[in-house]
N, C-alpha and C. Protein backbone atom coordinates (compact mmCIF):
# COMPACT_ATOMS: atom_id res chain seq x y z
N MET A 1 30.50 30.11 21.15
CA MET A 1 31.84 29.59 21.36
C MET A 1 31.88 28.90 22.73
N PRO A 2 32.42 27.70 22.83
CA PRO A 2 32.53 27.01 24.13
C PRO A 2 33.43 27.76 25.09
N ASN A 3 33.18 27.55 26.37
CA ASN A 3 34.00 28.15 27.43
C ASN A 3 34.50 27.02 28.31
N GLY A 4 35.78 26.99 28.64
CA GLY A 4 36.32 25.90 29.43
C GLY A 4 37.36 26.34 30.42
N GLN A 5 37.78 25.38 31.21
CA GLN A 5 38.85 25.61 32.18
C GLN A 5 39.61 24.31 32.36
N LEU A 6 40.82 24.40 32.82
CA LEU A 6 41.60 23.20 33.11
C LEU A 6 41.00 22.50 34.32
N GLU A 7 40.69 21.21 34.18
CA GLU A 7 40.13 20.44 35.28
C GLU A 7 41.22 19.78 36.10
N HIS A 8 42.18 19.13 35.43
CA HIS A 8 43.31 18.57 36.15
C HIS A 8 44.47 18.30 35.20
N ALA A 9 45.61 18.11 35.80
CA ALA A 9 46.78 17.63 35.09
C ALA A 9 47.27 16.42 35.87
N ASN A 10 47.80 15.44 35.17
CA ASN A 10 48.32 14.22 35.78
C ASN A 10 49.82 14.19 35.53
N ILE A 11 50.60 14.25 36.60
CA ILE A 11 52.05 14.26 36.45
C ILE A 11 52.65 13.08 37.22
N SER A 12 53.74 12.54 36.71
CA SER A 12 54.44 11.44 37.35
C SER A 12 55.49 11.99 38.31
N VAL A 13 55.44 11.52 39.55
CA VAL A 13 56.39 11.92 40.58
C VAL A 13 56.86 10.67 41.31
N THR A 14 58.02 10.75 41.93
CA THR A 14 58.53 9.58 42.63
C THR A 14 57.90 9.38 44.00
N ASP A 15 57.41 10.46 44.62
CA ASP A 15 56.83 10.37 45.96
C ASP A 15 55.58 11.27 46.02
N PRO A 16 54.40 10.73 45.69
CA PRO A 16 53.21 11.57 45.64
C PRO A 16 52.83 12.17 46.99
N GLU A 17 53.11 11.49 48.08
CA GLU A 17 52.79 12.05 49.39
C GLU A 17 53.63 13.29 49.67
N ARG A 18 54.91 13.25 49.32
CA ARG A 18 55.79 14.40 49.52
C ARG A 18 55.34 15.57 48.65
N SER A 19 55.02 15.30 47.38
CA SER A 19 54.55 16.35 46.48
C SER A 19 53.21 16.90 46.95
N ALA A 20 52.32 16.03 47.42
CA ALA A 20 51.02 16.48 47.92
C ALA A 20 51.19 17.40 49.12
N ALA A 21 52.08 17.05 50.04
CA ALA A 21 52.30 17.87 51.23
C ALA A 21 52.75 19.27 50.84
N LEU A 22 53.65 19.39 49.87
CA LEU A 22 54.10 20.70 49.39
C LEU A 22 52.94 21.51 48.84
N LEU A 23 52.14 20.90 47.96
CA LEU A 23 51.04 21.64 47.33
C LEU A 23 49.96 22.02 48.33
N ILE A 24 49.68 21.14 49.27
CA ILE A 24 48.69 21.45 50.31
C ILE A 24 49.18 22.61 51.16
N ASP A 25 50.45 22.60 51.58
CA ASP A 25 51.00 23.68 52.40
C ASP A 25 51.09 24.99 51.65
N MET A 26 51.49 24.94 50.38
CA MET A 26 51.72 26.16 49.61
C MET A 26 50.43 26.78 49.09
N LEU A 27 49.45 25.96 48.75
CA LEU A 27 48.26 26.47 48.06
C LEU A 27 46.98 26.38 48.88
N GLY A 28 47.04 25.77 50.05
CA GLY A 28 45.83 25.62 50.85
C GLY A 28 44.88 24.59 50.26
N TRP A 29 45.40 23.72 49.41
CA TRP A 29 44.58 22.68 48.79
C TRP A 29 44.31 21.58 49.79
N LYS A 30 43.52 20.62 49.37
CA LYS A 30 43.25 19.44 50.19
C LYS A 30 43.44 18.20 49.32
N GLU A 31 43.57 17.08 50.00
CA GLU A 31 43.62 15.82 49.27
C GLU A 31 42.20 15.45 48.87
N ARG A 32 42.00 15.22 47.59
CA ARG A 32 40.67 14.88 47.07
C ARG A 32 40.45 13.38 46.96
N TRP A 33 41.52 12.65 46.66
CA TRP A 33 41.39 11.20 46.43
C TRP A 33 42.77 10.58 46.41
N ARG A 34 42.83 9.30 46.75
CA ARG A 34 44.06 8.53 46.58
C ARG A 34 43.67 7.08 46.35
N GLY A 35 44.49 6.39 45.58
CA GLY A 35 44.22 4.99 45.34
C GLY A 35 45.00 4.45 44.16
N PRO A 36 44.71 3.19 43.82
CA PRO A 36 45.39 2.56 42.69
C PRO A 36 45.02 3.23 41.38
N SER A 37 45.99 3.24 40.45
CA SER A 37 45.78 3.87 39.15
C SER A 37 46.02 2.87 38.05
N MET A 38 45.65 3.28 36.87
CA MET A 38 45.95 2.47 35.70
C MET A 38 47.46 2.35 35.55
N LYS A 39 47.88 1.38 34.81
CA LYS A 39 49.31 1.18 34.53
C LYS A 39 50.09 0.79 35.78
N TYR A 40 49.46 0.05 36.70
CA TYR A 40 50.15 -0.56 37.83
C TYR A 40 50.71 0.43 38.82
N GLY A 41 50.15 1.58 38.93
CA GLY A 41 50.67 2.58 39.86
C GLY A 41 49.61 3.01 40.85
N ARG A 42 49.87 4.14 41.47
CA ARG A 42 48.91 4.74 42.39
C ARG A 42 48.97 6.25 42.24
N SER A 43 47.91 6.92 42.68
CA SER A 43 47.82 8.38 42.55
C SER A 43 47.30 9.01 43.82
N VAL A 44 47.71 10.24 44.04
CA VAL A 44 47.14 11.10 45.06
C VAL A 44 46.67 12.35 44.32
N HIS A 45 45.40 12.70 44.49
CA HIS A 45 44.84 13.89 43.85
C HIS A 45 44.73 14.99 44.89
N VAL A 46 45.32 16.16 44.61
CA VAL A 46 45.22 17.32 45.50
C VAL A 46 44.74 18.52 44.70
N GLY A 47 43.87 19.32 45.33
CA GLY A 47 43.37 20.51 44.66
C GLY A 47 42.26 21.16 45.44
N ASP A 48 41.43 21.90 44.72
CA ASP A 48 40.25 22.51 45.33
C ASP A 48 39.02 21.83 44.73
N SER A 49 37.87 22.45 44.84
CA SER A 49 36.64 21.79 44.38
C SER A 49 36.53 21.70 42.86
N LYS A 50 37.32 22.47 42.13
CA LYS A 50 37.20 22.49 40.67
C LYS A 50 38.45 22.00 39.93
N THR A 51 39.60 22.17 40.51
CA THR A 51 40.86 21.91 39.82
C THR A 51 41.78 21.10 40.71
N TYR A 52 42.55 20.20 40.10
CA TYR A 52 43.48 19.42 40.91
C TYR A 52 44.65 18.93 40.08
N LEU A 53 45.67 18.46 40.79
CA LEU A 53 46.78 17.75 40.19
C LEU A 53 46.69 16.30 40.64
N ALA A 54 46.79 15.40 39.68
CA ALA A 54 46.90 13.98 39.98
C ALA A 54 48.38 13.66 40.03
N LEU A 55 48.86 13.23 41.17
CA LEU A 55 50.26 12.92 41.39
C LEU A 55 50.40 11.40 41.29
N TYR A 56 50.92 10.95 40.18
CA TYR A 56 50.97 9.53 39.85
C TYR A 56 52.37 8.97 40.08
N THR A 57 52.44 7.73 40.56
CA THR A 57 53.71 7.03 40.65
C THR A 57 53.51 5.55 40.38
N GLY A 58 54.59 4.91 40.05
CA GLY A 58 54.64 3.48 39.84
C GLY A 58 56.10 3.06 39.83
N SER A 59 56.34 1.78 39.75
CA SER A 59 57.72 1.29 39.82
C SER A 59 58.57 1.79 38.66
N HIS A 60 57.95 2.20 37.58
CA HIS A 60 58.68 2.69 36.41
C HIS A 60 58.98 4.20 36.46
N VAL A 61 58.47 4.91 37.47
CA VAL A 61 58.68 6.36 37.58
C VAL A 61 60.00 6.59 38.32
N SER A 62 60.93 7.27 37.65
CA SER A 62 62.24 7.47 38.25
C SER A 62 62.61 8.92 38.49
N GLY A 63 61.79 9.89 38.04
CA GLY A 63 62.12 11.30 38.23
C GLY A 63 63.27 11.71 37.33
N GLY A 64 63.98 12.76 37.76
CA GLY A 64 65.13 13.24 37.00
C GLY A 64 64.75 13.83 35.66
N TYR A 65 63.58 14.47 35.60
CA TYR A 65 63.09 15.04 34.34
C TYR A 65 63.94 16.23 33.91
N GLU A 66 64.04 16.43 32.61
CA GLU A 66 64.71 17.60 32.06
C GLU A 66 63.68 18.66 31.73
N LYS A 67 64.01 19.90 32.02
CA LYS A 67 63.10 21.01 31.72
C LYS A 67 62.74 21.01 30.23
N GLY A 68 61.46 21.11 29.98
CA GLY A 68 60.99 21.21 28.61
C GLY A 68 60.70 19.88 27.94
N ASN A 69 60.89 18.78 28.63
CA ASN A 69 60.63 17.46 28.04
C ASN A 69 59.52 16.74 28.78
N PRO A 70 58.30 16.84 28.41
CA PRO A 70 57.76 17.75 27.41
C PRO A 70 57.21 19.02 28.03
N LEU A 71 57.29 19.15 29.33
CA LEU A 71 56.62 20.23 30.06
C LEU A 71 57.62 21.31 30.43
N ASN A 72 57.29 22.56 30.18
CA ASN A 72 58.16 23.65 30.62
C ASN A 72 57.96 23.96 32.10
N HIS A 73 56.74 24.22 32.51
CA HIS A 73 56.44 24.38 33.93
C HIS A 73 54.94 24.39 34.14
N ILE A 74 54.56 24.24 35.41
CA ILE A 74 53.18 24.38 35.86
C ILE A 74 53.15 25.62 36.73
N ALA A 75 52.16 26.49 36.53
CA ALA A 75 52.11 27.75 37.28
C ALA A 75 50.91 27.78 38.21
N PHE A 76 51.12 28.38 39.38
CA PHE A 76 50.07 28.57 40.37
C PHE A 76 49.97 30.05 40.71
N VAL A 77 48.76 30.51 40.99
CA VAL A 77 48.52 31.87 41.48
C VAL A 77 48.28 31.79 42.98
N VAL A 78 48.97 32.63 43.73
CA VAL A 78 48.79 32.70 45.18
C VAL A 78 48.50 34.14 45.58
N ASP A 79 47.92 34.31 46.76
CA ASP A 79 47.65 35.67 47.22
C ASP A 79 48.79 36.22 48.07
N ASP A 80 49.72 35.39 48.52
CA ASP A 80 50.87 35.84 49.32
C ASP A 80 52.12 35.14 48.79
N LEU A 81 52.83 35.81 47.91
CA LEU A 81 54.00 35.23 47.26
C LEU A 81 55.11 34.93 48.26
N ASP A 82 55.32 35.82 49.22
CA ASP A 82 56.38 35.61 50.21
C ASP A 82 56.10 34.38 51.06
N ALA A 83 54.85 34.19 51.47
CA ALA A 83 54.49 33.02 52.26
C ALA A 83 54.67 31.74 51.44
N ALA A 84 54.30 31.78 50.17
CA ALA A 84 54.47 30.62 49.30
C ALA A 84 55.95 30.28 49.13
N GLU A 85 56.78 31.29 48.99
CA GLU A 85 58.21 31.05 48.85
C GLU A 85 58.79 30.43 50.11
N LYS A 86 58.32 30.86 51.27
CA LYS A 86 58.77 30.27 52.53
C LYS A 86 58.40 28.79 52.60
N VAL A 87 57.20 28.44 52.17
CA VAL A 87 56.78 27.04 52.17
C VAL A 87 57.70 26.22 51.28
N VAL A 88 57.98 26.73 50.10
CA VAL A 88 58.88 26.02 49.18
C VAL A 88 60.23 25.78 49.84
N ALA A 89 60.80 26.81 50.44
CA ALA A 89 62.10 26.68 51.11
C ALA A 89 62.01 25.73 52.31
N ASP A 90 60.93 25.80 53.07
CA ASP A 90 60.74 24.92 54.22
C ASP A 90 60.66 23.45 53.81
N HIS A 91 60.25 23.19 52.58
CA HIS A 91 60.21 21.83 52.06
C HIS A 91 61.55 21.41 51.45
N GLY A 92 62.58 22.28 51.61
CA GLY A 92 63.93 21.93 51.17
C GLY A 92 64.20 22.20 49.70
N LEU A 93 63.35 22.99 49.06
CA LEU A 93 63.52 23.31 47.65
C LEU A 93 64.04 24.74 47.51
N THR A 94 64.61 25.07 46.36
CA THR A 94 65.27 26.36 46.17
C THR A 94 64.52 27.23 45.17
N PRO A 95 63.88 28.31 45.65
CA PRO A 95 63.26 29.27 44.73
C PRO A 95 64.33 30.01 43.93
N PHE A 96 63.99 30.35 42.68
CA PHE A 96 64.91 31.10 41.82
C PHE A 96 64.09 31.91 40.82
N GLY A 97 64.76 32.68 40.00
CA GLY A 97 64.11 33.41 38.91
C GLY A 97 63.07 34.41 39.37
N HIS A 98 63.33 35.07 40.48
CA HIS A 98 62.40 36.07 40.99
C HIS A 98 62.28 37.20 39.97
N ASP A 99 61.05 37.60 39.73
CA ASP A 99 60.82 38.68 38.76
C ASP A 99 59.57 39.45 39.13
N ASP A 100 59.54 40.69 38.74
CA ASP A 100 58.40 41.56 39.02
C ASP A 100 58.11 42.38 37.77
N TYR A 101 57.15 41.92 36.99
CA TYR A 101 56.73 42.64 35.80
C TYR A 101 55.24 42.44 35.63
N GLU A 102 54.62 43.33 34.89
CA GLU A 102 53.18 43.25 34.69
C GLU A 102 52.83 41.92 34.05
N PRO A 103 51.87 41.20 34.58
CA PRO A 103 50.90 41.67 35.56
C PRO A 103 51.19 41.24 36.99
N GLY A 104 52.35 40.67 37.33
CA GLY A 104 52.56 40.27 38.71
C GLY A 104 53.99 39.86 39.02
N ARG A 105 54.21 39.59 40.32
CA ARG A 105 55.50 39.09 40.81
C ARG A 105 55.50 37.57 40.72
N ARG A 106 56.70 36.98 40.61
CA ARG A 106 56.77 35.53 40.47
C ARG A 106 58.14 34.99 40.87
N PHE A 107 58.16 33.69 41.11
CA PHE A 107 59.41 32.95 41.26
C PHE A 107 59.17 31.54 40.73
N TYR A 108 60.25 30.81 40.59
CA TYR A 108 60.20 29.45 40.07
C TYR A 108 60.91 28.52 41.05
N PHE A 109 60.65 27.23 40.93
CA PHE A 109 61.42 26.23 41.65
C PHE A 109 61.27 24.88 40.95
N PHE A 110 62.28 24.05 41.13
CA PHE A 110 62.22 22.67 40.67
C PHE A 110 61.88 21.79 41.86
N ASP A 111 60.99 20.81 41.66
CA ASP A 111 60.71 19.87 42.73
C ASP A 111 61.78 18.79 42.76
N TRP A 112 61.60 17.79 43.58
CA TRP A 112 62.59 16.73 43.77
C TRP A 112 62.79 15.89 42.52
N ASP A 113 61.82 15.91 41.60
CA ASP A 113 61.90 15.10 40.38
C ASP A 113 62.36 15.90 39.17
N GLY A 114 62.63 17.19 39.34
CA GLY A 114 63.07 18.03 38.23
C GLY A 114 61.93 18.73 37.52
N ILE A 115 60.71 18.67 38.06
CA ILE A 115 59.58 19.37 37.46
C ILE A 115 59.64 20.84 37.88
N GLU A 116 59.53 21.74 36.92
CA GLU A 116 59.59 23.17 37.23
C GLU A 116 58.19 23.70 37.49
N PHE A 117 58.09 24.52 38.54
CA PHE A 117 56.85 25.20 38.90
C PHE A 117 57.10 26.70 38.93
N GLU A 118 56.10 27.46 38.54
CA GLU A 118 56.11 28.91 38.66
C GLU A 118 55.04 29.28 39.68
N VAL A 119 55.34 30.24 40.54
CA VAL A 119 54.38 30.74 41.52
C VAL A 119 54.28 32.23 41.29
N VAL A 120 53.05 32.72 41.08
CA VAL A 120 52.85 34.14 40.74
C VAL A 120 51.77 34.74 41.64
N SER A 121 51.92 36.03 41.91
CA SER A 121 50.91 36.77 42.66
C SER A 121 50.59 38.04 41.88
N TYR A 122 49.30 38.30 41.75
CA TYR A 122 48.85 39.51 41.07
C TYR A 122 48.45 40.59 42.06
N GLU A 123 48.73 40.40 43.33
CA GLU A 123 48.36 41.37 44.38
C GLU A 123 49.40 42.45 44.48
C-alpha cells in the first residue's frame, strides 16, 4: 500500500506577504520561494523542508470567502497553543472556538480573507 503526506496546498489570498508573516511568526516556518505564478499572479511559499502553503494572489483575487466554499479550514499543529494564539491576536485577528478534548486543545480563527484556520496542540 502506498504511503503519502501532504506536500503543499495553494490558497488564494489578497496579501501574500501579510499571510506569510502570520504563518512564519505562528509556526516558525520560513519563506521557501516567491515569484510570478501561472494565471497572471504571484505566489509566496512558506513552510518547512517538507510541507508548505503557496499563498497566491492576482488582480482577480478579492477575498471575502465564505466558510465551507469549498474549504472548511486548514489545521496546524503547534507545541505551544498559548503562544500561537498570542501571535494570531498580535496580527489583529480574533481567536475563537476554544476547545479541549481528546486528543488535544485547539482554537480557530479567520484570516483577513475569510479563510478559517484551526490551531491544535497535543501537548
